[in-house]
Amino acid sequence: MGVGVESLRRWVVVAQEQASPAGEAARAESARVKELERKVRDLTEANEILLAASVFFAGELDPRQRNR
C-alpha cells in the first residue's frame, strides 16, 4: 500500500480515540473550552474599550480641565 508504519500507527490511535466515548467527551470539552476562551477574549477587549472611554469622558467632564 505504500503507507509508512508511523502513519498507520497514528491513524489507528486517532480511530481508537474517536471510537471511544471518552474521546467524544474530550472533544466536546475541548470545543467548550475554546468557545469559553473566545468569549473571555471578547469580553476582555470590550472591558478595555469601556475603561478607555470612561477615562476619556471623565477627563472631558472634569471642571478643572475646562480652563486649559
PDB file of N, CA and C in Angstrom:
ATOM      1  N   MET A   1       0.830  -1.198   0.000  1.00  0.00           N
ATOM      2  CA  MET A   1       0.000   0.000   0.000  1.00  0.00           C
ATOM      3  C   MET A   1       0.870   1.256   0.000  1.00  0.00           C
ATOM      4  N   GLY A   2       2.097   1.152   0.404  1.00  0.00           N
ATOM      5  CA  GLY A   2       2.968   2.314   0.387  1.00  0.00           C
ATOM      6  C   GLY A   2       2.747   3.265   1.557  1.00  0.00           C
ATOM      7  N   VAL A   3       2.142   2.783   2.639  1.00  0.00           N
ATOM      8  CA  VAL A   3       1.884   3.608   3.817  1.00  0.00           C
ATOM      9  C   VAL A   3       2.960   3.318   4.848  1.00  0.00           C
ATOM     10  N   GLY A   4       3.511   4.389   5.419  1.00  0.00           N
ATOM     11  CA  GLY A   4       4.538   4.222   6.433  1.00  0.00           C
ATOM     12  C   GLY A   4       3.975   3.656   7.725  1.00  0.00           C
ATOM     13  N   VAL A   5       4.832   2.998   8.470  1.00  0.00           N
ATOM     14  CA  VAL A   5       4.424   2.378   9.734  1.00  0.00           C
ATOM     15  C   VAL A   5       3.924   3.440  10.716  1.00  0.00           C
ATOM     16  N   GLU A   6       4.622   4.558  10.804  1.00  0.00           N
ATOM     17  CA  GLU A   6       4.236   5.612  11.748  1.00  0.00           C
ATOM     18  C   GLU A   6       2.895   6.233  11.366  1.00  0.00           C
ATOM     19  N   SER A   7       2.660   6.442  10.069  1.00  0.00           N
ATOM     20  CA  SER A   7       1.370   6.986   9.615  1.00  0.00           C
ATOM     21  C   SER A   7       0.235   6.047   9.989  1.00  0.00           C
ATOM     22  N   LEU A   8       0.431   4.780   9.752  1.00  0.00           N
ATOM     23  CA  LEU A   8      -0.591   3.791  10.082  1.00  0.00           C
ATOM     24  C   LEU A   8      -0.851   3.757  11.582  1.00  0.00           C
ATOM     25  N   ARG A   9       0.206   3.824  12.385  1.00  0.00           N
ATOM     26  CA  ARG A   9       0.045   3.819  13.836  1.00  0.00           C
ATOM     27  C   ARG A   9      -0.763   5.021  14.295  1.00  0.00           C
ATOM     28  N   ARG A  10      -0.471   6.199  13.735  1.00  0.00           N
ATOM     29  CA  ARG A  10      -1.218   7.412  14.113  1.00  0.00           C
ATOM     30  C   ARG A  10      -2.680   7.301  13.722  1.00  0.00           C
ATOM     31  N   TRP A  11      -2.953   6.735  12.548  1.00  0.00           N
ATOM     32  CA  TRP A  11      -4.342   6.573  12.113  1.00  0.00           C
ATOM     33  C   TRP A  11      -5.098   5.659  13.073  1.00  0.00           C
ATOM     34  N   VAL A  12      -4.443   4.610  13.516  1.00  0.00           N
ATOM     35  CA  VAL A  12      -5.079   3.674  14.446  1.00  0.00           C
ATOM     36  C   VAL A  12      -5.365   4.375  15.775  1.00  0.00           C
ATOM     37  N   VAL A  13      -4.425   5.149  16.271  1.00  0.00           N
ATOM     38  CA  VAL A  13      -4.614   5.868  17.540  1.00  0.00           C
ATOM     39  C   VAL A  13      -5.786   6.837  17.418  1.00  0.00           C
ATOM     40  N   VAL A  14      -5.841   7.601  16.332  1.00  0.00           N
ATOM     41  CA  VAL A  14      -6.936   8.564  16.130  1.00  0.00           C
ATOM     42  C   VAL A  14      -8.270   7.833  16.021  1.00  0.00           C
ATOM     43  N   ALA A  15      -8.305   6.742  15.281  1.00  0.00           N
ATOM     44  CA  ALA A  15      -9.545   5.973  15.133  1.00  0.00           C
ATOM     45  C   ALA A  15     -10.012   5.427  16.468  1.00  0.00           C
ATOM     46  N   GLN A  16      -9.084   4.953  17.298  1.00  0.00           N
ATOM     47  CA  GLN A  16      -9.455   4.435  18.613  1.00  0.00           C
ATOM     48  C   GLN A  16      -9.996   5.544  19.508  1.00  0.00           C
ATOM     49  N   GLU A  17      -9.381   6.714  19.449  1.00  0.00           N
ATOM     50  CA  GLU A  17      -9.858   7.844  20.259  1.00  0.00           C
ATOM     51  C   GLU A  17     -11.249   8.271  19.828  1.00  0.00           C
ATOM     52  N   GLN A  18     -11.480   8.304  18.519  1.00  0.00           N
ATOM     53  CA  GLN A  18     -12.780   8.728  18.012  1.00  0.00           C
ATOM     54  C   GLN A  18     -13.863   7.704  18.318  1.00  0.00           C
ATOM     55  N   ALA A  19     -13.502   6.444  18.387  1.00  0.00           N
ATOM     56  CA  ALA A  19     -14.477   5.388  18.641  1.00  0.00           C
ATOM     57  C   ALA A  19     -14.862   5.292  20.112  1.00  0.00           C
ATOM     58  N   SER A  20     -14.005   5.761  20.998  1.00  0.00           N
ATOM     59  CA  SER A  20     -14.296   5.620  22.422  1.00  0.00           C
ATOM     60  C   SER A  20     -15.188   6.757  22.917  1.00  0.00           C
ATOM     61  N   PRO A  21     -16.066   6.459  23.879  1.00  0.00           N
ATOM     62  CA  PRO A  21     -16.909   7.507  24.459  1.00  0.00           C
ATOM     63  C   PRO A  21     -16.086   8.589  25.145  1.00  0.00           C
ATOM     64  N   ALA A  22     -14.965   8.216  25.711  1.00  0.00           N
ATOM     65  CA  ALA A  22     -14.107   9.199  26.382  1.00  0.00           C
ATOM     66  C   ALA A  22     -13.547  10.187  25.363  1.00  0.00           C
ATOM     67  N   GLY A  23     -13.231   9.704  24.164  1.00  0.00           N
ATOM     68  CA  GLY A  23     -12.734  10.589  23.113  1.00  0.00           C
ATOM     69  C   GLY A  23     -13.787  11.608  22.711  1.00  0.00           C
ATOM     70  N   GLU A  24     -15.013  11.169  22.630  1.00  0.00           N
ATOM     71  CA  GLU A  24     -16.132  12.068  22.297  1.00  0.00           C
ATOM     72  C   GLU A  24     -16.289  13.145  23.369  1.00  0.00           C
ATOM     73  N   ALA A  25     -16.232  12.734  24.623  1.00  0.00           N
ATOM     74  CA  ALA A  25     -16.362  13.688  25.724  1.00  0.00           C
ATOM     75  C   ALA A  25     -15.197  14.672  25.729  1.00  0.00           C
ATOM     76  N   ALA A  26     -14.006  14.180  25.439  1.00  0.00           N
ATOM     77  CA  ALA A  26     -12.833  15.052  25.421  1.00  0.00           C
ATOM     78  C   ALA A  26     -12.945  16.086  24.305  1.00  0.00           C
ATOM     79  N   ARG A  27     -13.444  15.668  23.146  1.00  0.00           N
ATOM     80  CA  ARG A  27     -13.619  16.615  22.032  1.00  0.00           C
ATOM     81  C   ARG A  27     -14.676  17.661  22.374  1.00  0.00           C
ATOM     82  N   ALA A  28     -15.760  17.227  22.985  1.00  0.00           N
ATOM     83  CA  ALA A  28     -16.816  18.167  23.367  1.00  0.00           C
ATOM     84  C   ALA A  28     -16.289  19.160  24.402  1.00  0.00           C
ATOM     85  N   GLU A  29     -15.536  18.656  25.355  1.00  0.00           N
ATOM     86  CA  GLU A  29     -14.962  19.533  26.396  1.00  0.00           C
ATOM     87  C   GLU A  29     -13.964  20.510  25.783  1.00  0.00           C
ATOM     88  N   SER A  30     -13.165  20.021  24.853  1.00  0.00           N
ATOM     89  CA  SER A  30     -12.183  20.871  24.188  1.00  0.00           C
ATOM     90  C   SER A  30     -12.881  21.979  23.400  1.00  0.00           C
ATOM     91  N   ALA A  31     -13.952  21.646  22.710  1.00  0.00           N
ATOM     92  CA  ALA A  31     -14.708  22.647  21.954  1.00  0.00           C
ATOM     93  C   ALA A  31     -15.326  23.673  22.902  1.00  0.00           C
ATOM     94  N   ARG A  32     -15.826  23.207  24.031  1.00  0.00           N
ATOM     95  CA  ARG A  32     -16.428  24.119  25.021  1.00  0.00           C
ATOM     96  C   ARG A  32     -15.380  25.073  25.596  1.00  0.00           C
ATOM     97  N   VAL A  33     -14.205  24.545  25.897  1.00  0.00           N
ATOM     98  CA  VAL A  33     -13.126  25.376  26.441  1.00  0.00           C
ATOM     99  C   VAL A  33     -12.714  26.433  25.422  1.00  0.00           C
ATOM    100  N   LYS A  34     -12.588  26.047  24.150  1.00  0.00           N
ATOM    101  CA  LYS A  34     -12.224  27.010  23.106  1.00  0.00           C
ATOM    102  C   LYS A  34     -13.264  28.117  22.984  1.00  0.00           C
ATOM    103  N   GLU A  35     -14.538  27.746  23.050  1.00  0.00           N
ATOM    104  CA  GLU A  35     -15.614  28.741  22.964  1.00  0.00           C
ATOM    105  C   GLU A  35     -15.564  29.691  24.164  1.00  0.00           C
ATOM    106  N   LEU A  36     -15.352  29.145  25.351  1.00  0.00           N
ATOM    107  CA  LEU A  36     -15.273  29.988  26.548  1.00  0.00           C
ATOM    108  C   LEU A  36     -14.047  30.905  26.503  1.00  0.00           C
ATOM    109  N   GLU A  37     -12.924  30.413  25.987  1.00  0.00           N
ATOM    110  CA  GLU A  37     -11.737  31.250  25.857  1.00  0.00           C
ATOM    111  C   GLU A  37     -11.988  32.396  24.883  1.00  0.00           C
ATOM    112  N   ARG A  38     -12.719  32.111  23.789  1.00  0.00           N
ATOM    113  CA  ARG A  38     -13.056  33.161  22.820  1.00  0.00           C
ATOM    114  C   ARG A  38     -13.944  34.219  23.482  1.00  0.00           C
ATOM    115  N   LYS A  39     -14.915  33.777  24.272  1.00  0.00           N
ATOM    116  CA  LYS A  39     -15.805  34.718  24.956  1.00  0.00           C
ATOM    117  C   LYS A  39     -15.029  35.573  25.957  1.00  0.00           C
ATOM    118  N   VAL A  40     -14.120  34.969  26.694  1.00  0.00           N
ATOM    119  CA  VAL A  40     -13.308  35.720  27.654  1.00  0.00           C
ATOM    120  C   VAL A  40     -12.479  36.773  26.928  1.00  0.00           C
ATOM    121  N   ARG A  41     -11.883  36.380  25.787  1.00  0.00           N
ATOM    122  CA  ARG A  41     -11.080  37.318  24.997  1.00  0.00           C
ATOM    123  C   ARG A  41     -11.941  38.496  24.519  1.00  0.00           C
ATOM    124  N   ASP A  42     -13.159  38.195  24.021  1.00  0.00           N
ATOM    125  CA  ASP A  42     -14.057  39.255  23.554  1.00  0.00           C
ATOM    126  C   ASP A  42     -14.478  40.176  24.693  1.00  0.00           C
ATOM    127  N   LEU A  43     -14.809  39.590  25.836  1.00  0.00           N
ATOM    128  CA  LEU A  43     -15.240  40.396  26.978  1.00  0.00           C
ATOM    129  C   LEU A  43     -14.099  41.245  27.537  1.00  0.00           C
ATOM    130  N   THR A  44     -12.891  40.707  27.535  1.00  0.00           N
ATOM    131  CA  THR A  44     -11.735  41.464  27.993  1.00  0.00           C
ATOM    132  C   THR A  44     -11.494  42.661  27.085  1.00  0.00           C
ATOM    133  N   GLU A  45     -11.609  42.439  25.785  1.00  0.00           N
ATOM    134  CA  GLU A  45     -11.428  43.538  24.829  1.00  0.00           C
ATOM    135  C   GLU A  45     -12.510  44.610  25.022  1.00  0.00           C
ATOM    136  N   ALA A  46     -13.755  44.194  25.200  1.00  0.00           N
ATOM    137  CA  ALA A  46     -14.841  45.143  25.427  1.00  0.00           C
ATOM    138  C   ALA A  46     -14.616  45.918  26.725  1.00  0.00           C
ATOM    139  N   ASN A  47     -14.140  45.237  27.751  1.00  0.00           N
ATOM    140  CA  ASN A  47     -13.858  45.889  29.031  1.00  0.00           C
ATOM    141  C   ASN A  47     -12.781  46.964  28.882  1.00  0.00           C
ATOM    142  N   GLU A  48     -11.734  46.642  28.124  1.00  0.00           N
ATOM    143  CA  GLU A  48     -10.652  47.606  27.903  1.00  0.00           C
ATOM    144  C   GLU A  48     -11.163  48.835  27.145  1.00  0.00           C
ATOM    145  N   ILE A  49     -12.022  48.617  26.173  1.00  0.00           N
ATOM    146  CA  ILE A  49     -12.594  49.736  25.408  1.00  0.00           C
ATOM    147  C   ILE A  49     -13.447  50.612  26.317  1.00  0.00           C
ATOM    148  N   LEU A  50     -14.282  49.984  27.133  1.00  0.00           N
ATOM    149  CA  LEU A  50     -15.135  50.746  28.040  1.00  0.00           C
ATOM    150  C   LEU A  50     -14.316  51.504  29.077  1.00  0.00           C
ATOM    151  N   LEU A  51     -13.254  50.913  29.561  1.00  0.00           N
ATOM    152  CA  LEU A  51     -12.389  51.589  30.523  1.00  0.00           C
ATOM    153  C   LEU A  51     -11.741  52.815  29.884  1.00  0.00           C
ATOM    154  N   ALA A  52     -11.233  52.672  28.676  1.00  0.00           N
ATOM    155  CA  ALA A  52     -10.610  53.795  27.983  1.00  0.00           C
ATOM    156  C   ALA A  52     -11.630  54.900  27.722  1.00  0.00           C
ATOM    157  N   ALA A  53     -12.834  54.532  27.362  1.00  0.00           N
ATOM    158  CA  ALA A  53     -13.882  55.522  27.113  1.00  0.00           C
ATOM    159  C   ALA A  53     -14.259  56.245  28.402  1.00  0.00           C
ATOM    160  N   SER A  54     -14.354  55.515  29.503  1.00  0.00           N
ATOM    161  CA  SER A  54     -14.723  56.164  30.764  1.00  0.00           C
ATOM    162  C   SER A  54     -13.631  57.116  31.223  1.00  0.00           C
ATOM    163  N   VAL A  55     -12.365  56.767  31.019  1.00  0.00           N
ATOM    164  CA  VAL A  55     -11.259  57.663  31.367  1.00  0.00           C
ATOM    165  C   VAL A  55     -11.324  58.916  30.502  1.00  0.00           C
ATOM    166  N   PHE A  56     -11.580  58.748  29.218  1.00  0.00           N
ATOM    167  CA  PHE A  56     -11.671  59.882  28.307  1.00  0.00           C
ATOM    168  C   PHE A  56     -12.800  60.825  28.722  1.00  0.00           C
ATOM    169  N   PHE A  57     -13.995  60.276  28.933  1.00  0.00           N
ATOM    170  CA  PHE A  57     -15.140  61.122  29.263  1.00  0.00           C
ATOM    171  C   PHE A  57     -15.032  61.713  30.662  1.00  0.00           C
ATOM    172  N   ALA A  58     -14.397  61.023  31.569  1.00  0.00           N
ATOM    173  CA  ALA A  58     -14.182  61.591  32.905  1.00  0.00           C
ATOM    174  C   ALA A  58     -13.289  62.819  32.796  1.00  0.00           C
ATOM    175  N   GLY A  59     -12.300  62.757  31.938  1.00  0.00           N
ATOM    176  CA  GLY A  59     -11.429  63.922  31.719  1.00  0.00           C
ATOM    177  C   GLY A  59     -12.162  65.059  31.052  1.00  0.00           C
ATOM    178  N   GLU A  60     -13.056  64.752  30.143  1.00  0.00           N
ATOM    179  CA  GLU A  60     -13.839  65.784  29.462  1.00  0.00           C
ATOM    180  C   GLU A  60     -14.797  66.486  30.425  1.00  0.00           C
ATOM    181  N   LEU A  61     -15.299  65.791  31.410  1.00  0.00           N
ATOM    182  CA  LEU A  61     -16.271  66.351  32.346  1.00  0.00           C
ATOM    183  C   LEU A  61     -15.625  67.018  33.551  1.00  0.00           C
ATOM    184  N   ASP A  62     -14.333  66.878  33.703  1.00  0.00           N
ATOM    185  CA  ASP A  62     -13.620  67.448  34.839  1.00  0.00           C
ATOM    186  C   ASP A  62     -13.570  68.973  34.695  1.00  0.00           C
ATOM    187  N   PRO A  63     -14.181  69.719  35.634  1.00  0.00           N
ATOM    188  CA  PRO A  63     -14.212  71.187  35.512  1.00  0.00           C
ATOM    189  C   PRO A  63     -12.809  71.812  35.567  1.00  0.00           C
ATOM    190  N   ARG A  64     -11.866  71.143  36.178  1.00  0.00           N
ATOM    191  CA  ARG A  64     -10.504  71.696  36.235  1.00  0.00           C
ATOM    192  C   ARG A  64      -9.849  71.692  34.857  1.00  0.00           C
ATOM    193  N   GLN A  65     -10.307  70.857  33.974  1.00  0.00           N
ATOM    194  CA  GLN A  65      -9.725  70.750  32.637  1.00  0.00           C
ATOM    195  C   GLN A  65     -10.338  71.742  31.654  1.00  0.00           C
ATOM    196  N   ARG A  66     -11.446  72.397  31.983  1.00  0.00           N
ATOM    197  CA  ARG A  66     -12.154  73.279  31.048  1.00  0.00           C
ATOM    198  C   ARG A  66     -11.421  74.600  30.790  1.00  0.00           C
ATOM    199  N   ASN A  67     -10.652  75.073  31.744  1.00  0.00           N
ATOM    200  CA  ASN A  67      -9.969  76.365  31.588  1.00  0.00           C
ATOM    201  C   ASN A  67      -8.681  76.251  30.802  1.00  0.00           C
ATOM    202  N   ARG A  68      -8.273  75.089  30.443  1.00  0.00           N
ATOM    203  CA  ARG A  68      -6.997  74.903  29.731  1.00  0.00           C
ATOM    204  C   ARG A  68      -7.168  74.964  28.271  1.00  0.00           C
TER     205      ARG A  68
END
